[in-house]
Amino acid sequence: MRAVTRSSKPGFESVVVKNYAELAPRSADDVLVHLAESRDISKGSPTDEERAQRETLLSRDWRRIVYASSAAVYGDQVSRPRKASEPVAPRAVYARWKSQGEEIVRKRGGIVARLSNMYGPGMASNNVISDILRQLKEIGPVTVRDVTPVRDYIHVDDAAGAIARMTAAGNDGSIFNVGTGEGISVGDLAREILTIAGQEIRDTRVGSPPSQPSWLILDIDETRKALNWQPNISLGAGLRPLVEAAL
């Protein structure tokens, strides 16, 4: 297995290419794990370059494609864990882009990994966990946008384990939910981080008016059965090294 990127990253070994058009299968057994898209859910419409890159990568003659999609394609208006077999409701630009990618990949016999909120080393700097971690060195209340949204947080190592199993799976065209199957509100997440940091005395402050109810939890029963996989890193265990690094 080799990682291919367009820019080198400290502490991360990869093959660097100027353009993904340079990337092609080296043998009939090569599998593409497609992670080459923005992880910023607030991002606007994809650029022409991003569209061309995706088409180029997916058009190659790979033995199998595993495409990293997002739980965001389900929408956030249903409080029960979402099943991969149910209809999706991609409303935001990011979710629609991921849903379109899923269709392309499945038509070509690929596999889709719908990832819940992923966290861990190297995670995006503009997610709620990163926002809370940045405030640990401050004093006073910790500010979050809204304490009510409920999300399913999975550690990057657990997600990577699921994706690795998909590269050898024999069920092309499948969709796999990759999460923990458990949800936690932003308010409880903040309390968890503050407790790990030994800052239980600090309050949580809401930065804007509460939004409409928002839930996004994944049902992972089928993923467990099909891949003989399950998440092993609890939220507390996954957060602890991040908290320690932030202090």
Protein backbone atom coordinates (compact mmCIF):
# COMPACT_ATOMS: atom_id res chain seq x y z
CA MET A 1 0.00 0.00 0.00
CA ARG A 2 1.29 3.48 -0.82
CA ALA A 3 -0.03 6.93 0.01
CA VAL A 4 -0.11 9.44 -2.84
CA THR A 5 -0.46 13.18 -2.18
CA ARG A 6 0.06 16.44 -4.04
CA SER A 7 2.14 17.93 -1.24
CA SER A 8 4.50 16.46 1.33
CA LYS A 9 3.43 16.43 4.96
CA PRO A 10 5.87 16.37 7.92
CA GLY A 11 6.03 12.96 9.54
CA PHE A 12 3.94 11.35 6.80
CA GLU A 13 5.58 9.23 4.12
CA SER A 14 3.93 9.49 0.71
CA VAL A 15 4.56 9.58 -3.00
CA VAL A 16 4.16 13.21 -4.12
CA VAL A 17 2.70 13.96 -7.54
CA LYS A 18 2.01 17.37 -9.08
CA ASN A 19 -1.32 16.23 -10.48
CA TYR A 20 -3.43 13.15 -9.86
CA ALA A 21 -3.47 12.64 -13.62
CA GLU A 22 0.00 11.15 -13.09
CA LEU A 23 -1.52 8.40 -10.95
CA ALA A 24 -2.47 5.15 -12.69
CA PRO A 25 -2.66 1.46 -11.73
CA ARG A 26 0.66 -0.33 -11.80
CA SER A 27 -0.94 -3.77 -11.97
CA ALA A 28 -4.34 -5.38 -12.45
CA ASP A 29 -4.58 -5.85 -8.67
CA ASP A 30 -4.27 -2.19 -7.70
CA VAL A 31 -7.01 -0.73 -5.50
CA LEU A 32 -7.71 3.00 -5.23
CA VAL A 33 -8.71 4.34 -1.82
CA HIS A 34 -10.06 7.75 -2.78
CA LEU A 35 -9.48 10.29 0.01
CA ALA A 36 -8.50 13.18 -2.25
CA GLU A 37 -11.34 15.59 -1.52
CA SER A 38 -11.85 18.47 0.86
CA ARG A 39 -12.94 17.55 4.38
CA ASP A 40 -14.35 21.04 4.99
CA ILE A 41 -18.12 20.59 5.25
CA SER A 42 -18.64 24.37 5.01
CA LYS A 43 -16.83 24.56 1.69
CA GLY A 44 -18.61 25.99 -1.33
CA SER A 45 -19.05 24.47 -4.77
CA PRO A 46 -16.17 22.34 -6.08
CA THR A 47 -13.85 24.04 -8.53
CA ASP A 48 -13.40 22.87 -12.12
CA GLU A 49 -10.00 21.54 -11.07
CA GLU A 50 -11.52 19.46 -8.28
CA ARG A 51 -14.15 18.03 -10.63
CA ALA A 52 -11.47 17.14 -13.18
CA GLN A 53 -9.28 15.50 -10.52
CA ARG A 54 -12.11 13.28 -9.32
CA GLU A 55 -13.06 12.24 -12.82
CA THR A 56 -9.43 11.47 -13.64
CA LEU A 57 -8.88 9.34 -10.55
CA LEU A 58 -12.12 7.40 -10.88
CA SER A 59 -11.77 6.75 -14.62
CA ARG A 60 -8.64 4.62 -14.26
CA ASP A 61 -8.80 0.84 -14.57
CA TRP A 62 -8.55 -0.01 -10.87
CA ARG A 63 -9.42 -3.49 -9.60
CA ARG A 64 -11.56 -1.81 -6.96
CA ILE A 65 -12.33 1.73 -5.79
CA VAL A 66 -13.09 2.59 -2.18
CA TYR A 67 -14.55 6.09 -1.98
CA ALA A 68 -14.54 8.12 1.23
CA SER A 69 -17.97 9.73 1.41
CA SER A 70 -19.73 11.36 4.35
CA ALA A 71 -22.65 10.72 6.67
CA ALA A 72 -23.72 14.25 5.69
CA VAL A 73 -25.53 12.75 2.68
CA TYR A 74 -28.29 11.56 5.05
CA GLY A 75 -29.19 15.02 6.28
CA ASP A 76 -29.64 15.70 10.00
CA GLN A 77 -33.38 15.60 10.63
CA VAL A 78 -33.79 11.98 11.80
CA SER A 79 -32.95 11.10 15.40
CA ARG A 80 -32.47 7.33 14.98
CA PRO A 81 -29.24 5.78 13.64
CA ARG A 82 -29.23 5.92 9.84
CA LYS A 83 -29.01 2.76 7.73
CA ALA A 84 -27.01 2.58 4.50
CA SER A 85 -30.06 1.16 2.72
CA GLU A 86 -32.31 4.16 3.33
CA PRO A 87 -32.76 7.19 1.03
CA VAL A 88 -30.37 10.09 1.44
CA ALA A 89 -31.21 13.80 1.60
CA PRO A 90 -28.09 15.78 0.69
CA ARG A 91 -28.97 19.44 1.13
CA ALA A 92 -25.69 21.30 1.56
CA VAL A 93 -23.22 21.68 -1.31
CA TYR A 94 -20.70 19.39 0.40
CA ALA A 95 -23.28 16.61 0.89
CA ARG A 96 -24.48 16.84 -2.71
CA TRP A 97 -20.89 16.65 -3.97
CA LYS A 98 -20.30 13.50 -1.92
CA SER A 99 -23.58 11.97 -3.07
CA GLN A 100 -22.62 12.57 -6.71
CA GLY A 101 -19.27 10.91 -6.05
CA GLU A 102 -21.04 7.89 -4.58
CA GLU A 103 -23.15 7.47 -7.72
CA ILE A 104 -20.10 7.60 -9.98
CA VAL A 105 -18.18 5.09 -7.89
CA ARG A 106 -21.04 2.62 -7.52
CA LYS A 107 -21.75 2.67 -11.27
CA ARG A 108 -18.15 1.60 -11.71
CA GLY A 109 -18.50 -1.21 -9.20
CA GLY A 110 -16.74 0.61 -6.37
CA ILE A 111 -17.40 0.66 -2.63
CA VAL A 112 -18.59 3.67 -0.62
CA ALA A 113 -17.52 4.41 2.96
CA ARG A 114 -19.93 6.85 4.60
CA LEU A 115 -17.84 8.32 7.40
CA SER A 116 -19.33 9.89 10.51
CA ASN A 117 -17.56 12.77 12.27
CA MET A 118 -13.94 11.67 12.22
CA TYR A 119 -11.39 12.98 14.71
CA GLY A 120 -7.80 12.31 15.70
CA PRO A 121 -4.28 13.47 14.76
CA GLY A 122 -4.30 15.61 11.63
CA MET A 123 -8.03 16.35 11.80
CA ALA A 124 -9.51 19.51 10.29
CA SER A 125 -8.84 22.71 12.23
CA ASN A 126 -12.38 24.05 11.91
CA ASN A 127 -14.40 21.24 13.52
CA VAL A 128 -16.04 21.42 16.94
CA ILE A 129 -13.39 19.31 18.70
CA SER A 130 -10.58 21.49 17.35
CA ASP A 131 -12.49 24.61 18.42
CA ILE A 132 -12.82 23.34 21.99
CA LEU A 133 -9.20 22.15 22.18
CA ARG A 134 -7.93 25.61 21.15
CA GLN A 135 -9.73 27.12 24.15
CA LEU A 136 -8.19 24.84 26.78
CA LYS A 137 -5.33 27.26 27.44
CA GLU A 138 -7.74 30.13 27.98
CA ILE A 139 -9.80 31.03 31.03
CA GLY A 140 -13.52 31.54 31.40
CA PRO A 141 -16.32 29.72 29.58
CA VAL A 142 -15.68 27.57 26.54
CA THR A 143 -17.67 28.88 23.57
CA VAL A 144 -19.37 26.60 21.08
CA ARG A 145 -21.83 27.56 18.37
CA ASP A 146 -24.62 25.30 19.66
CA VAL A 147 -24.70 22.64 22.39
CA THR A 148 -27.65 20.67 21.03
CA PRO A 149 -26.52 18.92 17.80
CA VAL A 150 -25.91 15.20 18.28
CA ARG A 151 -23.16 13.53 16.26
CA ASP A 152 -21.37 10.18 15.98
CA TYR A 153 -17.61 10.67 16.49
CA ILE A 154 -15.21 7.98 15.26
CA HIS A 155 -11.45 7.93 15.75
CA VAL A 156 -9.40 8.06 12.55
CA ASP A 157 -7.63 4.79 13.41
CA ASP A 158 -10.94 2.93 13.66
CA ALA A 159 -12.10 4.46 10.38
CA ALA A 160 -8.85 3.46 8.69
CA GLY A 161 -9.32 -0.10 9.91
CA ALA A 162 -12.76 -0.28 8.29
CA ILE A 163 -11.51 1.17 5.00
CA ALA A 164 -8.61 -1.29 4.93
CA ARG A 165 -11.09 -4.15 5.16
CA MET A 166 -13.12 -2.68 2.31
CA THR A 167 -10.11 -2.95 -0.01
CA ALA A 168 -10.37 -6.74 0.26
CA ALA A 169 -14.17 -6.98 0.47
CA GLY A 170 -15.92 -9.00 -2.19
CA ASN A 171 -19.11 -6.96 -2.39
CA ASP A 172 -18.53 -4.27 -5.00
CA GLY A 173 -21.19 -1.57 -5.19
CA SER A 174 -21.80 -1.74 -1.44
CA ILE A 175 -22.23 1.19 0.93
CA PHE A 176 -20.78 0.88 4.41
CA ASN A 177 -21.53 3.16 7.34
CA VAL A 178 -18.37 3.87 9.30
CA GLY A 179 -19.08 5.28 12.76
CA THR A 180 -19.61 4.08 16.31
CA GLY A 181 -23.39 3.80 16.32
CA GLU A 182 -23.51 6.15 19.31
CA GLY A 183 -24.27 9.86 19.43
CA ILE A 184 -23.22 12.61 21.81
CA SER A 185 -24.38 16.23 21.93
CA VAL A 186 -21.91 19.07 21.45
CA GLY A 187 -22.59 20.17 25.02
CA ASP A 188 -21.71 16.73 26.43
CA LEU A 189 -18.69 16.55 24.14
CA ALA A 190 -17.41 19.83 25.58
CA ARG A 191 -17.95 18.52 29.12
CA GLU A 192 -16.04 15.34 28.24
CA ILE A 193 -13.07 17.32 26.93
CA LEU A 194 -13.07 19.68 29.93
CA THR A 195 -13.20 16.73 32.33
CA ILE A 196 -10.21 15.07 30.65
CA ALA A 197 -8.37 18.40 30.87
CA GLY A 198 -9.15 18.73 34.58
CA GLN A 199 -11.20 21.87 33.89
CA GLU A 200 -14.63 20.67 35.03
CA ILE A 201 -15.25 24.00 36.74
CA ARG A 202 -15.45 25.86 33.42
CA ASP A 203 -18.86 26.52 31.87
CA THR A 204 -19.89 26.12 28.24
CA ARG A 205 -21.23 29.20 26.49
CA VAL A 206 -23.34 29.19 23.33
CA GLY A 207 -22.07 31.55 20.64
CA SER A 208 -25.29 31.81 18.63
CA PRO A 209 -28.99 31.06 19.12
CA PRO A 210 -29.90 27.35 19.23
CA SER A 211 -30.57 25.86 15.82
CA GLN A 212 -33.24 23.41 14.75
CA PRO A 213 -32.82 19.92 16.24
CA SER A 214 -29.97 18.16 14.49
CA TRP A 215 -28.95 14.52 14.76
CA LEU A 216 -26.61 12.35 12.73
CA ILE A 217 -25.81 8.89 14.06
CA LEU A 218 -24.91 5.87 11.93
CA ASP A 219 -26.24 2.33 12.19
CA ILE A 220 -23.13 0.16 11.76
CA ASP A 221 -24.62 -3.31 12.24
CA GLU A 222 -24.26 -4.26 8.56
CA THR A 223 -20.70 -2.94 8.46
CA ARG A 224 -19.80 -5.03 11.50
CA LYS A 225 -21.23 -8.18 9.94
CA ALA A 226 -19.95 -7.73 6.39
CA LEU A 227 -16.42 -6.64 7.28
CA ASN A 228 -15.97 -8.39 10.63
CA TRP A 229 -15.03 -4.97 11.97
CA GLN A 230 -15.96 -2.83 14.91
CA PRO A 231 -14.67 0.44 16.40
CA ASN A 232 -12.39 -0.16 19.38
CA ILE A 233 -11.37 3.33 20.52
CA SER A 234 -13.78 4.93 22.98
CA LEU A 235 -14.39 8.66 22.70
CA GLY A 236 -12.60 9.32 25.99
CA ALA A 237 -9.57 7.27 24.99
CA GLY A 238 -9.38 8.96 21.61
CA LEU A 239 -9.73 12.46 23.01
CA ARG A 240 -7.16 12.08 25.80
CA PRO A 241 -3.96 12.42 23.69
CA LEU A 242 -5.49 15.33 21.79
CA VAL A 243 -6.32 17.11 25.03
CA GLU A 244 -2.84 16.46 26.43
CA ALA A 245 -1.25 17.85 23.27
CA ALA A 246 -3.43 20.96 23.46
CA LEU A 247 -2.59 21.85 27.07
